[in-house]
Amino acid sequence: MKVKKREILGIIFFVILDQLTKYIASVYLKGAGMVEVIKNFFYLHLVHNSGAAWSILEGQMWFFYILTVVMLGIFFMCLVKSDKKETWLRFAFVLIIAGTIGNFIDRLLFQQVTDFLDFYIFGYDFPVFNIADTELCIGAGIFALYALRHSDDEEKEGAK
């Protein structure tokens, strides 16, 4: 198997989307505090995170560099080896790779990740995140749904 041109273009598109939105947020939200978009629900709030989700392992850039390179290699190999007919699975890998690259660029250039999307969901102040995080979560969600569906198919095959 090989990676399709549209998948490479998809990765590039999603990385550019992430980096562009981070740049815009950094320019327009610097010093602005929280900008209300939808009252009691959605705000723009520029923060910088030198760790992972919820600032886990804050400041441990060497760990993130190694982990990111290893995970990119694994996910890229998964994309390459996956059946080209498995469109949703391959799209999940495109999103995961793009999200990983987007946050990796921030870590390499700034030793921190730029976050700016802030949601209050049912009164809970969800951690501030960015487009790359969204790509990672959607990609992981698609992958999980694919795995669940595929495991059901294997169970049905085993029952025959």
N, C-alpha and C. Protein backbone atom coordinates (compact mmCIF):
# COMPACT_ATOMS: atom_id res chain seq x y z
N MET A 1 0.84 -1.19 0.00
CA MET A 1 0.00 0.00 0.00
C MET A 1 0.89 1.25 0.00
N LYS A 2 0.28 2.34 -0.37
CA LYS A 2 1.00 3.61 -0.31
C LYS A 2 0.03 4.71 0.09
N VAL A 3 0.59 5.85 0.40
CA VAL A 3 -0.22 6.99 0.81
C VAL A 3 -0.69 7.71 -0.45
N LYS A 4 -1.97 8.04 -0.48
CA LYS A 4 -2.54 8.74 -1.62
C LYS A 4 -2.17 10.22 -1.58
N LYS A 5 -2.12 10.82 -2.74
CA LYS A 5 -1.80 12.25 -2.84
C LYS A 5 -2.79 13.07 -2.03
N ARG A 6 -4.08 12.72 -2.09
CA ARG A 6 -5.08 13.50 -1.36
C ARG A 6 -4.90 13.38 0.16
N GLU A 7 -4.32 12.27 0.62
CA GLU A 7 -4.05 12.13 2.06
C GLU A 7 -2.90 13.03 2.49
N ILE A 8 -1.87 13.09 1.68
CA ILE A 8 -0.76 14.02 1.96
C ILE A 8 -1.27 15.45 1.94
N LEU A 9 -2.08 15.78 0.94
CA LEU A 9 -2.65 17.13 0.86
C LEU A 9 -3.57 17.40 2.06
N GLY A 10 -4.29 16.39 2.50
CA GLY A 10 -5.14 16.53 3.68
C GLY A 10 -4.32 16.83 4.91
N ILE A 11 -3.23 16.10 5.10
CA ILE A 11 -2.35 16.36 6.25
C ILE A 11 -1.83 17.79 6.18
N ILE A 12 -1.35 18.20 5.01
CA ILE A 12 -0.82 19.57 4.85
C ILE A 12 -1.92 20.60 5.14
N PHE A 13 -3.12 20.38 4.60
CA PHE A 13 -4.23 21.31 4.83
C PHE A 13 -4.53 21.44 6.32
N PHE A 14 -4.66 20.32 7.02
CA PHE A 14 -5.02 20.37 8.44
C PHE A 14 -3.90 20.96 9.31
N VAL A 15 -2.64 20.74 8.93
CA VAL A 15 -1.53 21.37 9.66
C VAL A 15 -1.56 22.88 9.45
N ILE A 16 -1.77 23.31 8.21
CA ILE A 16 -1.84 24.75 7.91
C ILE A 16 -3.02 25.38 8.64
N LEU A 17 -4.17 24.73 8.63
CA LEU A 17 -5.34 25.24 9.35
C LEU A 17 -5.03 25.45 10.82
N ASP A 18 -4.38 24.46 11.43
CA ASP A 18 -4.01 24.57 12.84
C ASP A 18 -3.04 25.73 13.07
N GLN A 19 -1.98 25.78 12.29
CA GLN A 19 -0.96 26.81 12.49
C GLN A 19 -1.50 28.21 12.20
N LEU A 20 -2.34 28.33 11.19
CA LEU A 20 -2.93 29.63 10.86
C LEU A 20 -3.83 30.12 11.99
N THR A 21 -4.67 29.24 12.53
CA THR A 21 -5.56 29.67 13.61
C THR A 21 -4.77 30.01 14.88
N LYS A 22 -3.70 29.29 15.13
CA LYS A 22 -2.85 29.62 16.29
C LYS A 22 -2.19 30.97 16.10
N TYR A 23 -1.73 31.24 14.89
CA TYR A 23 -1.11 32.53 14.61
C TYR A 23 -2.11 33.67 14.80
N ILE A 24 -3.30 33.50 14.23
CA ILE A 24 -4.34 34.53 14.35
C ILE A 24 -4.70 34.75 15.81
N ALA A 25 -4.86 33.66 16.55
CA ALA A 25 -5.18 33.78 17.98
C ALA A 25 -4.05 34.50 18.72
N SER A 26 -2.81 34.17 18.41
CA SER A 26 -1.67 34.80 19.09
C SER A 26 -1.61 36.30 18.82
N VAL A 27 -1.96 36.70 17.62
CA VAL A 27 -1.91 38.12 17.25
C VAL A 27 -3.10 38.89 17.84
N TYR A 28 -4.29 38.35 17.66
CA TYR A 28 -5.49 39.11 18.02
C TYR A 28 -5.96 38.91 19.46
N LEU A 29 -5.52 37.86 20.11
CA LEU A 29 -5.99 37.62 21.48
C LEU A 29 -4.95 37.96 22.55
N LYS A 30 -3.74 38.31 22.11
CA LYS A 30 -2.68 38.63 23.07
C LYS A 30 -3.12 39.80 23.96
N GLY A 31 -3.16 39.55 25.24
CA GLY A 31 -3.56 40.58 26.20
C GLY A 31 -5.04 40.87 26.25
N ALA A 32 -5.84 40.13 25.51
CA ALA A 32 -7.28 40.41 25.44
C ALA A 32 -8.08 39.72 26.55
N GLY A 33 -7.45 38.83 27.28
CA GLY A 33 -8.21 38.07 28.27
C GLY A 33 -9.16 37.11 27.57
N MET A 34 -10.33 36.91 28.14
CA MET A 34 -11.32 36.03 27.53
C MET A 34 -12.27 36.85 26.66
N VAL A 35 -12.44 36.42 25.43
CA VAL A 35 -13.35 37.09 24.51
C VAL A 35 -14.59 36.23 24.37
N GLU A 36 -15.72 36.79 24.77
CA GLU A 36 -16.98 36.05 24.72
C GLU A 36 -17.47 35.92 23.28
N VAL A 37 -17.75 34.68 22.87
CA VAL A 37 -18.33 34.43 21.55
C VAL A 37 -19.80 34.05 21.73
N ILE A 38 -20.06 33.09 22.60
CA ILE A 38 -21.42 32.69 22.97
C ILE A 38 -21.47 32.66 24.49
N LYS A 39 -22.24 33.57 25.06
CA LYS A 39 -22.29 33.75 26.51
C LYS A 39 -22.51 32.42 27.25
N ASN A 40 -21.71 32.22 28.28
CA ASN A 40 -21.77 31.03 29.14
C ASN A 40 -21.53 29.72 28.40
N PHE A 41 -20.91 29.78 27.21
CA PHE A 41 -20.65 28.56 26.47
C PHE A 41 -19.29 28.55 25.77
N PHE A 42 -19.02 29.57 24.92
CA PHE A 42 -17.82 29.55 24.09
C PHE A 42 -17.08 30.88 24.17
N TYR A 43 -15.77 30.78 24.48
CA TYR A 43 -14.91 31.95 24.60
C TYR A 43 -13.61 31.70 23.84
N LEU A 44 -12.97 32.76 23.42
CA LEU A 44 -11.61 32.70 22.90
C LEU A 44 -10.70 33.18 24.02
N HIS A 45 -9.72 32.37 24.36
CA HIS A 45 -8.87 32.66 25.50
C HIS A 45 -7.47 32.13 25.20
N LEU A 46 -6.53 33.02 24.94
CA LEU A 46 -5.17 32.63 24.58
C LEU A 46 -4.40 32.14 25.80
N VAL A 47 -3.96 30.89 25.73
CA VAL A 47 -3.10 30.33 26.77
C VAL A 47 -1.99 29.53 26.09
N HIS A 48 -0.90 29.37 26.81
CA HIS A 48 0.22 28.57 26.31
C HIS A 48 0.47 27.44 27.29
N ASN A 49 0.66 26.25 26.75
CA ASN A 49 0.79 25.04 27.55
C ASN A 49 2.12 24.38 27.23
N SER A 50 2.97 24.23 28.23
CA SER A 50 4.27 23.58 28.00
C SER A 50 4.22 22.10 28.37
N GLY A 51 3.00 21.59 28.56
CA GLY A 51 2.83 20.16 28.85
C GLY A 51 1.88 19.54 27.84
N ALA A 52 1.24 18.47 28.27
CA ALA A 52 0.22 17.83 27.44
C ALA A 52 -1.14 18.26 27.98
N ALA A 53 -2.17 17.47 27.71
CA ALA A 53 -3.52 17.80 28.17
C ALA A 53 -3.52 18.12 29.66
N TRP A 54 -4.21 19.18 30.04
CA TRP A 54 -4.31 19.63 31.42
C TRP A 54 -2.92 19.89 32.03
N SER A 55 -1.96 20.26 31.18
CA SER A 55 -0.59 20.60 31.59
C SER A 55 0.17 19.42 32.21
N ILE A 56 -0.22 18.20 31.85
CA ILE A 56 0.50 17.01 32.33
C ILE A 56 1.93 17.06 31.81
N LEU A 57 2.89 16.71 32.65
CA LEU A 57 4.32 16.70 32.30
C LEU A 57 4.80 18.05 31.80
N GLU A 58 4.33 19.08 32.43
CA GLU A 58 4.69 20.44 32.03
C GLU A 58 6.21 20.63 32.00
N GLY A 59 6.69 21.19 30.89
CA GLY A 59 8.10 21.52 30.75
C GLY A 59 8.99 20.35 30.33
N GLN A 60 8.44 19.19 30.11
CA GLN A 60 9.24 18.00 29.75
C GLN A 60 9.33 17.86 28.23
N MET A 61 9.89 18.87 27.57
CA MET A 61 9.92 18.90 26.11
C MET A 61 10.65 17.69 25.51
N TRP A 62 11.74 17.27 26.09
CA TRP A 62 12.48 16.13 25.55
C TRP A 62 11.58 14.90 25.43
N PHE A 63 10.73 14.70 26.44
CA PHE A 63 9.80 13.57 26.43
C PHE A 63 8.82 13.70 25.26
N PHE A 64 8.28 14.90 25.07
CA PHE A 64 7.32 15.13 23.98
C PHE A 64 7.96 14.99 22.61
N TYR A 65 9.21 15.42 22.47
CA TYR A 65 9.91 15.28 21.19
C TYR A 65 10.04 13.80 20.83
N ILE A 66 10.52 13.01 21.78
CA ILE A 66 10.72 11.58 21.52
C ILE A 66 9.38 10.89 21.26
N LEU A 67 8.40 11.13 22.13
CA LEU A 67 7.09 10.51 21.99
C LEU A 67 6.44 10.88 20.65
N THR A 68 6.54 12.14 20.28
CA THR A 68 5.92 12.60 19.04
C THR A 68 6.55 11.93 17.83
N VAL A 69 7.85 11.86 17.78
CA VAL A 69 8.52 11.23 16.63
C VAL A 69 8.14 9.75 16.54
N VAL A 70 8.13 9.06 17.67
CA VAL A 70 7.75 7.64 17.68
C VAL A 70 6.30 7.47 17.22
N MET A 71 5.39 8.27 17.77
CA MET A 71 3.97 8.14 17.43
C MET A 71 3.71 8.51 15.97
N LEU A 72 4.39 9.54 15.47
CA LEU A 72 4.24 9.89 14.06
C LEU A 72 4.67 8.73 13.17
N GLY A 73 5.76 8.09 13.53
CA GLY A 73 6.22 6.93 12.77
C GLY A 73 5.20 5.80 12.79
N ILE A 74 4.64 5.54 13.96
CA ILE A 74 3.64 4.47 14.09
C ILE A 74 2.39 4.80 13.27
N PHE A 75 1.86 6.01 13.43
CA PHE A 75 0.63 6.37 12.72
C PHE A 75 0.85 6.45 11.21
N PHE A 76 2.03 6.91 10.80
CA PHE A 76 2.29 6.97 9.36
C PHE A 76 2.37 5.55 8.80
N MET A 77 3.00 4.64 9.53
CA MET A 77 3.06 3.24 9.07
C MET A 77 1.66 2.62 9.04
N CYS A 78 0.84 2.96 10.01
CA CYS A 78 -0.55 2.48 10.00
C CYS A 78 -1.28 2.98 8.77
N LEU A 79 -1.06 4.24 8.42
CA LEU A 79 -1.68 4.80 7.22
C LEU A 79 -1.19 4.07 5.98
N VAL A 80 0.10 3.87 5.88
CA VAL A 80 0.70 3.21 4.72
C VAL A 80 0.19 1.78 4.59
N LYS A 81 0.10 1.07 5.70
CA LYS A 81 -0.27 -0.35 5.67
C LYS A 81 -1.77 -0.61 5.63
N SER A 82 -2.57 0.42 5.91
CA SER A 82 -4.02 0.20 5.92
C SER A 82 -4.54 0.02 4.49
N ASP A 83 -5.62 -0.73 4.40
CA ASP A 83 -6.24 -1.01 3.10
C ASP A 83 -6.76 0.31 2.51
N LYS A 84 -6.44 0.56 1.26
CA LYS A 84 -6.86 1.82 0.63
C LYS A 84 -8.37 1.94 0.52
N LYS A 85 -9.09 0.82 0.68
CA LYS A 85 -10.56 0.85 0.65
C LYS A 85 -11.15 1.32 1.97
N GLU A 86 -10.35 1.31 3.02
CA GLU A 86 -10.81 1.73 4.35
C GLU A 86 -10.69 3.24 4.49
N THR A 87 -11.55 3.94 3.80
CA THR A 87 -11.49 5.40 3.71
C THR A 87 -11.56 6.08 5.08
N TRP A 88 -12.48 5.66 5.92
CA TRP A 88 -12.64 6.30 7.23
C TRP A 88 -11.44 6.05 8.13
N LEU A 89 -10.90 4.84 8.09
CA LEU A 89 -9.72 4.53 8.89
C LEU A 89 -8.55 5.39 8.43
N ARG A 90 -8.37 5.50 7.15
CA ARG A 90 -7.27 6.30 6.61
C ARG A 90 -7.47 7.79 6.93
N PHE A 91 -8.72 8.26 6.88
CA PHE A 91 -9.00 9.64 7.25
C PHE A 91 -8.68 9.89 8.73
N ALA A 92 -8.98 8.90 9.57
CA ALA A 92 -8.63 9.02 11.00
C ALA A 92 -7.13 9.20 11.16
N PHE A 93 -6.35 8.41 10.44
CA PHE A 93 -4.89 8.53 10.53
C PHE A 93 -4.41 9.88 9.99
N VAL A 94 -5.03 10.39 8.94
CA VAL A 94 -4.68 11.72 8.41
C VAL A 94 -4.89 12.78 9.50
N LEU A 95 -6.04 12.74 10.17
CA LEU A 95 -6.32 13.73 11.22
C LEU A 95 -5.35 13.58 12.39
N ILE A 96 -5.08 12.36 12.81
CA ILE A 96 -4.18 12.13 13.93
C ILE A 96 -2.77 12.61 13.59
N ILE A 97 -2.30 12.29 12.40
CA ILE A 97 -0.96 12.73 11.99
C ILE A 97 -0.90 14.26 11.91
N ALA A 98 -1.91 14.88 11.31
CA ALA A 98 -1.92 16.35 11.18
C ALA A 98 -1.95 17.02 12.55
N GLY A 99 -2.80 16.53 13.44
CA GLY A 99 -2.88 17.11 14.79
C GLY A 99 -1.57 16.96 15.54
N THR A 100 -0.95 15.81 15.40
CA THR A 100 0.33 15.57 16.06
C THR A 100 1.40 16.51 15.52
N ILE A 101 1.45 16.66 14.20
CA ILE A 101 2.42 17.57 13.60
C ILE A 101 2.16 19.02 14.02
N GLY A 102 0.89 19.42 14.04
CA GLY A 102 0.55 20.79 14.43
C GLY A 102 1.06 21.16 15.81
N ASN A 103 0.83 20.29 16.78
CA ASN A 103 1.31 20.59 18.13
C ASN A 103 2.83 20.41 18.24
N PHE A 104 3.39 19.51 17.44
CA PHE A 104 4.85 19.30 17.44
C PHE A 104 5.56 20.55 16.93
N ILE A 105 5.01 21.19 15.92
CA ILE A 105 5.60 22.43 15.41
C ILE A 105 5.68 23.47 16.53
N ASP A 106 4.59 23.61 17.28
CA ASP A 106 4.59 24.56 18.41
C ASP A 106 5.68 24.22 19.42
N ARG A 107 5.77 22.95 19.77
CA ARG A 107 6.76 22.54 20.77
C ARG A 107 8.18 22.79 20.27
N LEU A 108 8.43 22.52 19.01
CA LEU A 108 9.76 22.75 18.45
C LEU A 108 10.11 24.24 18.40
N LEU A 109 9.15 25.06 17.93
CA LEU A 109 9.43 26.48 17.74
C LEU A 109 9.35 27.30 19.03
N PHE A 110 8.40 26.96 19.91
CA PHE A 110 8.12 27.82 21.06
C PHE A 110 8.24 27.12 22.42
N GLN A 111 8.52 25.82 22.43
CA GLN A 111 8.58 25.02 23.65
C GLN A 111 7.27 25.06 24.44
N GLN A 112 6.19 25.31 23.73
CA GLN A 112 4.85 25.30 24.32
C GLN A 112 3.82 25.23 23.19
N VAL A 113 2.60 24.86 23.54
CA VAL A 113 1.53 24.76 22.56
C VAL A 113 0.56 25.91 22.79
N THR A 114 0.12 26.53 21.70
CA THR A 114 -0.84 27.63 21.76
C THR A 114 -2.26 27.06 21.75
N ASP A 115 -3.03 27.40 22.76
CA ASP A 115 -4.43 27.00 22.86
C ASP A 115 -5.29 28.26 22.92
N PHE A 116 -6.52 28.17 22.43
CA PHE A 116 -7.36 29.37 22.43
C PHE A 116 -8.86 29.12 22.42
N LEU A 117 -9.29 27.89 22.28
CA LEU A 117 -10.72 27.57 22.26
C LEU A 117 -11.15 27.16 23.66
N ASP A 118 -12.08 27.88 24.24
CA ASP A 118 -12.47 27.66 25.64
C ASP A 118 -13.99 27.49 25.73
N PHE A 119 -14.41 26.30 26.14
CA PHE A 119 -15.83 25.99 26.24
C PHE A 119 -16.25 25.74 27.67
N TYR A 120 -17.44 26.20 28.00
CA TYR A 120 -18.11 25.88 29.27
C TYR A 120 -19.27 24.97 28.90
N ILE A 121 -19.16 23.70 29.26
CA ILE A 121 -20.17 22.72 28.89
C ILE A 121 -20.89 22.27 30.15
N PHE A 122 -22.18 22.60 30.23
CA PHE A 122 -23.01 22.29 31.41
C PHE A 122 -22.34 22.77 32.70
N GLY A 123 -21.78 23.99 32.62
CA GLY A 123 -21.16 24.61 33.79
C GLY A 123 -19.71 24.19 34.03
N TYR A 124 -19.20 23.23 33.27
CA TYR A 124 -17.82 22.78 33.42
C TYR A 124 -16.92 23.55 32.47
N ASP A 125 -15.87 24.17 33.01
CA ASP A 125 -14.91 24.91 32.19
C ASP A 125 -13.93 23.90 31.60
N PHE A 126 -14.23 23.47 30.36
CA PHE A 126 -13.40 22.48 29.69
C PHE A 126 -12.02 23.07 29.45
N PRO A 127 -10.95 22.26 29.54
CA PRO A 127 -9.60 22.81 29.28
C PRO A 127 -9.51 23.46 27.90
N VAL A 128 -8.78 24.57 27.84
CA VAL A 128 -8.60 25.31 26.60
C VAL A 128 -7.80 24.44 25.63
N PHE A 129 -8.19 24.46 24.35
CA PHE A 129 -7.55 23.60 23.36
C PHE A 129 -7.41 24.33 22.04
N ASN A 130 -6.94 23.63 21.01
CA ASN A 130 -6.70 24.23 19.70
C ASN A 130 -7.21 23.31 18.59
N ILE A 131 -7.00 23.69 17.35
CA ILE A 131 -7.46 22.92 16.20
C ILE A 131 -6.74 21.57 16.12
N ALA A 132 -5.44 21.54 16.39
CA ALA A 132 -4.70 20.27 16.35
C ALA A 132 -5.29 19.28 17.36
N ASP A 133 -5.64 19.77 18.54
CA ASP A 133 -6.27 18.90 19.55
C ASP A 133 -7.59 18.35 19.02
N THR A 134 -8.33 19.20 18.33
CA THR A 134 -9.61 18.80 17.74
C THR A 134 -9.39 17.72 16.69
N GLU A 135 -8.39 17.93 15.84
CA GLU A 135 -8.07 16.93 14.82
C GLU A 135 -7.71 15.60 15.46
N LEU A 136 -6.90 15.65 16.52
CA LEU A 136 -6.51 14.42 17.23
C LEU A 136 -7.73 13.71 17.81
N CYS A 137 -8.60 14.47 18.45
CA CYS A 137 -9.78 13.86 19.09
C CYS A 137 -10.76 13.29 18.06
N ILE A 138 -11.00 14.02 17.00
CA ILE A 138 -11.91 13.52 15.95
C ILE A 138 -11.29 12.28 15.29
N GLY A 139 -10.00 12.35 14.99
CA GLY A 139 -9.31 11.20 14.42
C GLY A 139 -9.37 9.98 15.33
N ALA A 140 -9.13 10.19 16.62
CA ALA A 140 -9.20 9.08 17.58
C ALA A 140 -10.62 8.54 17.69
N GLY A 141 -11.61 9.43 17.63
CA GLY A 141 -13.00 9.01 17.68
C GLY A 141 -13.38 8.16 16.48
N ILE A 142 -12.97 8.59 15.30
CA ILE A 142 -13.24 7.83 14.08
C ILE A 142 -12.54 6.47 14.16
N PHE A 143 -11.30 6.47 14.63
CA PHE A 143 -10.55 5.23 14.78
C PHE A 143 -11.26 4.28 15.75
N ALA A 144 -11.73 4.82 16.88
CA ALA A 144 -12.43 3.99 17.88
C ALA A 144 -13.71 3.39 17.29
N LEU A 145 -14.47 4.20 16.57
CA LEU A 145 -15.69 3.70 15.94
C LEU A 145 -15.37 2.63 14.90
N TYR A 146 -14.32 2.85 14.14
CA TYR A 146 -13.89 1.85 13.16
C TYR A 146 -13.50 0.56 13.87
N ALA A 147 -12.73 0.66 14.95
CA ALA A 147 -12.29 -0.53 15.68
C ALA A 147 -13.49 -1.27 16.27
N LEU A 148 -14.45 -0.55 16.81
CA LEU A 148 -15.64 -1.20 17.37
C LEU A 148 -16.43 -1.92 16.27
N ARG A 149 -16.62 -1.25 15.17
CA ARG A 149 -17.34 -1.87 14.07
C ARG A 149 -16.60 -3.07 13.53
N HIS A 150 -15.29 -2.94 13.41
CA HIS A 150 -14.48 -4.03 12.88
C HIS A 150 -14.46 -5.22 13.85
N SER A 151 -14.43 -4.96 15.15
CA SER A 151 -14.44 -6.06 16.12
C SER A 151 -15.78 -6.79 16.07
N ASP A 152 -16.88 -6.07 15.83
CA ASP A 152 -18.18 -6.71 15.65
C ASP A 152 -18.17 -7.62 14.43
N ASP A 153 -17.54 -7.17 13.35
CA ASP A 153 -17.44 -7.97 12.13
C ASP A 153 -16.66 -9.26 12.40
N GLU A 154 -15.54 -9.15 13.17
CA GLU A 154 -14.74 -10.32 13.49
C GLU A 154 -15.52 -11.31 14.36
N GLU A 155 -16.31 -10.79 15.31
CA GLU A 155 -17.13 -11.66 16.16
C GLU A 155 -18.15 -12.42 15.33
N LYS A 156 -18.76 -11.73 14.37
CA LYS A 156 -19.74 -12.37 13.50
C LYS A 156 -19.08 -13.44 12.63
N GLU A 157 -17.87 -13.16 12.15
CA GLU A 157 -17.15 -14.13 11.34
C GLU A 157 -16.78 -15.36 12.17
N GLY A 158 -16.39 -15.13 13.44
CA GLY A 158 -16.04 -16.23 14.33
C GLY A 158 -17.22 -17.10 14.70
N ALA A 159 -18.41 -16.53 14.71
CA ALA A 159 -19.61 -17.26 15.09
C ALA A 159 -20.11 -18.16 13.97
N LYS A 160 -19.64 -17.94 12.76
CA LYS A 160 -20.12 -18.74 11.61
C LYS A 160 -19.54 -20.11 11.59
